[in-house]
Amino acid sequence: MRRGHRVIAGLLVAAVLAAVFAAYLSPHLAVDLANRLWACF
């Protein structure tokens, strides 16, 4: 893999992780996801 592709892949992974962590800053979202997971059982 060329260096440019590695940089782009790293930035993409960092952006996805930042979006996930930002989503969990909302308590309502975390509770909603937990309730949906619990409803499966």
Protein backbone atom coordinates (compact mmCIF):
# COMPACT_ATOMS: atom_id res chain seq x y z
CA MET A 1 0.00 0.00 0.00
CA ARG A 2 1.34 3.39 -0.90
CA ARG A 3 1.93 6.05 1.69
CA GLY A 4 -0.95 8.20 0.40
CA HIS A 5 -3.42 5.36 0.76
CA ARG A 6 -2.23 4.66 4.30
CA VAL A 7 -2.70 8.31 5.27
CA ILE A 8 -6.20 8.41 3.79
CA ALA A 9 -7.13 5.13 5.50
CA GLY A 10 -5.81 6.43 8.83
CA LEU A 11 -7.78 9.66 8.52
CA LEU A 12 -10.92 7.74 7.63
CA VAL A 13 -10.55 5.44 10.64
CA ALA A 14 -9.91 8.43 12.92
CA ALA A 15 -13.02 10.20 11.58
CA VAL A 16 -15.21 7.14 12.16
CA LEU A 17 -13.90 6.71 15.71
CA ALA A 18 -14.44 10.41 16.45
CA ALA A 19 -18.03 10.16 15.18
CA VAL A 20 -18.71 7.12 17.38
CA PHE A 21 -17.27 8.78 20.48
CA ALA A 22 -19.20 11.99 19.75
CA ALA A 23 -22.43 9.99 19.42
CA TYR A 24 -21.93 8.49 22.88
CA LEU A 25 -21.65 11.96 24.42
CA SER A 26 -25.44 12.11 24.15
CA PRO A 27 -26.92 10.16 27.09
CA HIS A 28 -30.24 9.73 25.28
CA LEU A 29 -28.54 7.87 22.43
CA ALA A 30 -26.67 5.55 24.78
CA VAL A 31 -29.86 4.70 26.70
CA ASP A 32 -31.80 4.18 23.47
CA LEU A 33 -29.17 1.80 22.10
CA ALA A 34 -29.07 -0.10 25.41
CA ASN A 35 -32.87 -0.44 25.38
CA ARG A 36 -32.83 -1.72 21.81
CA LEU A 37 -30.17 -4.26 22.65
CA TRP A 38 -32.05 -5.38 25.79
CA ALA A 39 -35.27 -5.78 23.78
CA CYS A 40 -33.60 -8.53 21.74
CA PHE A 41 -33.53 -10.83 24.79
